[in-house]
Protein backbone atom coordinates (compact mmCIF):
# COMPACT_ATOMS: atom_id res chain seq x y z
CA UNK A 1 7.99 -1.75 10.38
CA UNK A 2 6.76 1.79 10.71
CA UNK A 3 9.87 4.18 11.36
CA UNK A 4 8.04 6.16 14.29
CA UNK A 5 11.68 7.62 14.87
CA UNK A 6 11.04 10.56 12.57
CA UNK A 7 8.77 13.15 11.56
CA UNK A 8 5.87 11.75 9.41
CA UNK A 9 5.11 13.77 6.41
CA UNK A 10 2.32 11.94 3.51
CA UNK A 11 3.45 11.44 0.28
CA UNK A 12 1.42 10.55 -2.60
CA UNK A 13 3.29 8.94 -5.42
CA UNK A 14 1.81 7.62 -9.27
CA UNK A 15 2.17 5.18 -12.20
CA UNK A 16 1.41 5.84 -15.57
CA UNK A 17 3.35 3.47 -17.44
CA UNK A 18 0.73 0.71 -16.02
CA UNK A 19 1.90 -2.40 -18.22
CA UNK A 20 5.67 -2.30 -17.48
CA UNK A 21 6.76 -3.46 -14.38
CA UNK A 22 9.14 -5.61 -12.99
CA UNK A 23 8.12 -10.00 -12.54
CA UNK A 24 8.66 -11.29 -8.85
CA UNK A 25 7.12 -14.54 -7.78
CA UNK A 26 6.52 -15.26 -4.12
CA UNK A 27 8.88 -17.29 -1.93
CA UNK A 28 8.85 -21.16 -2.81
CA UNK A 29 6.05 -22.73 -0.54
CA UNK A 30 4.57 -19.19 0.05
CA UNK A 31 0.76 -18.67 -1.78
CA UNK A 32 -1.50 -15.85 -2.52
CA UNK A 33 -5.07 -15.99 -1.72
CA UNK A 34 -7.89 -13.37 -1.98
CA UNK A 35 -9.76 -12.66 1.13
CA UNK A 36 -12.84 -14.30 2.22
CA UNK A 37 -15.26 -13.43 5.11
CA UNK A 38 -13.24 -13.94 8.66
CA UNK A 39 -10.11 -12.77 6.78
CA UNK A 40 -10.46 -9.30 8.89
CA UNK A 41 -8.91 -10.87 11.47
CA UNK A 42 -5.73 -11.65 10.07
CA UNK A 43 -5.60 -8.43 8.38
CA UNK A 44 -5.53 -6.76 11.61
CA UNK A 45 -3.10 -8.89 13.42
CA UNK A 46 -0.68 -7.71 10.10
CA UNK A 47 -1.56 -4.15 10.34
CA UNK A 48 -0.93 -4.03 14.10
CA UNK A 49 2.33 -6.21 13.92
CA UNK A 50 4.08 -3.27 11.45
CA UNK A 51 2.99 -1.06 14.00
CA UNK A 52 -0.10 0.72 11.91
CA UNK A 53 -2.49 -0.12 15.24
CA UNK A 54 -2.17 -0.18 18.88
CA UNK A 55 -4.20 -2.94 18.87
CA UNK A 56 -6.52 -5.36 16.86
CA UNK A 57 -9.23 -4.35 18.05
CA UNK A 58 -8.32 -0.54 16.32
CA UNK A 59 -7.72 -2.42 12.92
CA UNK A 60 -10.84 -4.06 13.22
CA UNK A 61 -13.08 -1.44 13.44
CA UNK A 62 -10.65 0.55 10.90
CA UNK A 63 -10.68 -2.40 8.29
CA UNK A 64 -15.08 -2.44 8.64
CA UNK A 65 -14.53 1.51 8.01
CA UNK A 66 -12.21 1.66 5.17
CA UNK A 67 -13.30 -2.25 3.81
CA UNK A 68 -16.80 -2.47 3.97
CA UNK A 69 -19.19 0.24 4.84
CA UNK A 70 -20.71 2.12 2.26
CA UNK A 71 -18.03 0.46 -0.19
CA UNK A 72 -19.37 -0.47 -4.05
CA UNK A 73 -16.07 -2.98 -4.01
CA UNK A 74 -15.97 -6.37 -2.01
CA UNK A 75 -12.73 -7.35 -0.87
CA UNK A 76 -13.09 -11.22 -1.60
CA UNK A 77 -12.25 -9.92 -5.12
CA UNK A 78 -9.58 -6.96 -4.55
CA UNK A 79 -7.35 -7.80 -0.94
CA UNK A 80 -4.60 -10.25 -1.34
CA UNK A 81 -3.26 -11.80 1.20
CA UNK A 82 0.43 -14.06 1.57
CA UNK A 83 0.07 -17.52 3.47
CA UNK A 84 3.45 -18.58 4.48
CA UNK A 85 4.29 -22.44 4.32
CA UNK A 86 3.01 -23.43 7.47
CA UNK A 87 -0.18 -21.77 7.26
CA UNK A 88 0.33 -18.19 8.15
CA UNK A 89 -0.90 -15.13 7.02
CA UNK A 90 2.15 -12.94 7.21
CA UNK A 91 0.92 -10.28 3.92
CA UNK A 92 -1.52 -8.56 2.76
CA UNK A 93 -1.97 -5.67 -0.16
CA UNK A 94 -4.89 -4.28 -1.75
CA UNK A 95 -5.99 -3.13 -5.11
CA UNK A 96 -9.08 -0.45 -4.23
CA UNK A 97 -10.79 2.81 -4.96
CA UNK A 98 -9.42 6.37 -4.19
CA UNK A 99 -10.46 9.77 -5.40
CA UNK A 100 -7.55 11.98 -7.35
CA UNK A 101 -8.97 15.36 -7.76
CA UNK A 102 -12.41 13.97 -7.26
CA UNK A 103 -11.90 11.43 -9.72
CA UNK A 104 -12.44 8.27 -9.12
CA UNK A 105 -8.93 5.78 -9.47
CA UNK A 106 -7.34 2.51 -8.51
CA UNK A 107 -4.83 2.63 -5.78
CA UNK A 108 -2.16 0.24 -3.92
CA UNK A 109 -3.65 0.16 -0.39
CA UNK A 110 -2.00 -0.92 2.83
CA UNK A 111 1.06 -3.13 1.86
CA UNK A 112 2.17 -4.86 4.80
CA UNK A 113 4.29 -7.70 5.87
CA UNK A 114 5.14 -9.28 9.09
CA UNK A 115 8.72 -8.48 9.96
CA UNK A 116 9.09 -12.50 10.79
CA UNK A 117 8.84 -12.82 6.93
CA UNK A 118 10.41 -9.62 5.39
CA UNK A 119 13.11 -9.75 3.48
CA UNK A 120 12.42 -12.43 1.18
CA UNK A 121 10.65 -10.49 -1.39
CA UNK A 122 7.18 -11.06 -0.40
CA UNK A 123 6.10 -7.11 -0.76
CA UNK A 124 7.63 -7.17 -4.33
CA UNK A 125 5.51 -10.59 -5.52
CA UNK A 126 2.13 -8.71 -4.07
CA UNK A 127 2.54 -5.45 -5.86
CA UNK A 128 3.75 -7.32 -9.15
CA UNK A 129 -0.14 -9.30 -7.86
CA UNK A 130 -1.59 -5.93 -7.75
CA UNK A 131 -0.59 -4.54 -11.00
CA UNK A 132 -1.42 -7.78 -12.86
CA UNK A 133 -4.94 -7.54 -10.98
CA UNK A 134 -5.16 -3.77 -11.94
CA UNK A 135 -4.40 -5.18 -15.90
CA UNK A 136 -6.77 -7.98 -15.86
CA UNK A 137 -9.72 -6.00 -14.45
CA UNK A 138 -9.23 -3.90 -17.53
CA UNK A 139 -7.52 -0.70 -16.11
CA UNK A 140 -4.54 1.38 -17.54
CA UNK A 141 -3.10 5.05 -17.44
CA UNK A 142 -2.89 5.36 -14.22
CA UNK A 143 -2.57 4.27 -10.60
CA UNK A 144 -1.63 6.03 -7.21
CA UNK A 145 -0.70 5.33 -4.13
CA UNK A 146 -0.08 6.97 -0.63
CA UNK A 147 2.70 6.27 1.72
CA UNK A 148 4.75 8.42 4.03
CA UNK A 149 8.14 9.58 5.84
CA UNK A 150 7.94 6.70 8.26
CA UNK A 151 7.62 3.68 5.62
CA UNK A 152 10.33 5.42 3.33
CA UNK A 153 12.04 1.72 2.97
CA UNK A 154 8.72 0.82 0.83
CA UNK A 155 9.89 3.57 -1.69
CA UNK A 156 12.32 2.45 -2.82
CA UNK A 157 10.21 -0.88 -4.00
CA UNK A 158 7.51 1.71 -4.97
CA UNK A 159 10.43 3.26 -7.46
CA UNK A 160 11.34 -0.10 -8.77
CA UNK A 161 7.73 -0.50 -10.06
CA UNK A 162 7.64 2.90 -11.82
CA UNK A 163 5.98 4.77 -9.36
CA UNK A 164 6.90 8.10 -8.72
CA UNK A 165 6.57 10.86 -6.31
CA UNK A 166 3.90 13.39 -7.05
CA UNK A 167 5.05 17.19 -6.76
CA UNK A 168 2.65 20.01 -7.17
CA UNK A 169 0.91 23.40 -6.79
CA UNK A 170 -2.29 21.62 -6.25
CA UNK A 171 -3.41 18.92 -3.55
CA UNK A 172 -5.54 15.95 -5.07
CA UNK A 173 -7.26 15.17 -2.16
CA UNK A 174 -9.85 17.27 0.14
CA UNK A 175 -8.29 16.01 2.99
CA UNK A 176 -5.16 18.88 2.53
CA UNK A 177 -5.29 22.23 0.82
CA UNK A 178 -2.71 23.59 -1.92
CA UNK A 179 0.05 24.52 0.53
CA UNK A 180 0.30 21.79 2.89
CA UNK A 181 0.22 19.54 0.08
CA UNK A 182 3.22 21.19 -1.17
CA UNK A 183 4.89 22.18 2.00
CA UNK A 184 4.38 17.91 2.61
CA UNK A 185 5.29 16.67 -0.22
CA UNK A 186 8.85 18.51 -0.09
CA UNK A 187 9.87 17.43 3.29
CA UNK A 188 8.04 13.90 2.88
CA UNK A 189 11.43 13.73 -0.30
CA UNK A 190 13.57 15.07 1.99
CA UNK A 191 13.33 12.90 5.07
CA UNK A 192 12.94 10.24 1.85
CA UNK A 193 15.77 10.62 0.20
CA UNK A 194 18.13 11.27 3.28
CA UNK A 195 16.92 7.68 5.09
CA UNK A 196 17.42 6.11 1.29
CA UNK A 197 21.17 7.20 1.24
CA UNK A 198 22.43 6.40 4.85
């Protein structure tokens, strides 16, 4: 669940040693499936439950904008779901395109697990499967993700996989100027480290 009790500052994390990462399997009875048409409802439900959207309709609007409209990728090849032993869709994550200093790069995107199934290692297994997919598709050398202070609990997981906070005087995204990026990154790291240490 997103921790809305703390201020939000974005954080970019990067990984360059993309061949080395820990191995995790799903809990017994859980399974991976790739997106199929209609699964946007499951995606919106999961993301709404963890606090990303105020309602499923908002989630569906965002899904169409982010994963369908004008995309050269298809979620059938890049978006994972985790299904529980009783058939419930309980987690999702994607390997998707992003722009890093204007260059198209691969990114870990929209990782979420329902609270009712958290603590079982599902997020670890999803991240492992996405790194496997990254390698299977022939990529190497660089992958990144965007997170933030309100997802501070996930930063510990990303660090275990070898992601590190991207600290720079230059913003890799046109969404933020250089000064904002540098300031936001410093504040995010300070808050996240404080939350993790508590």
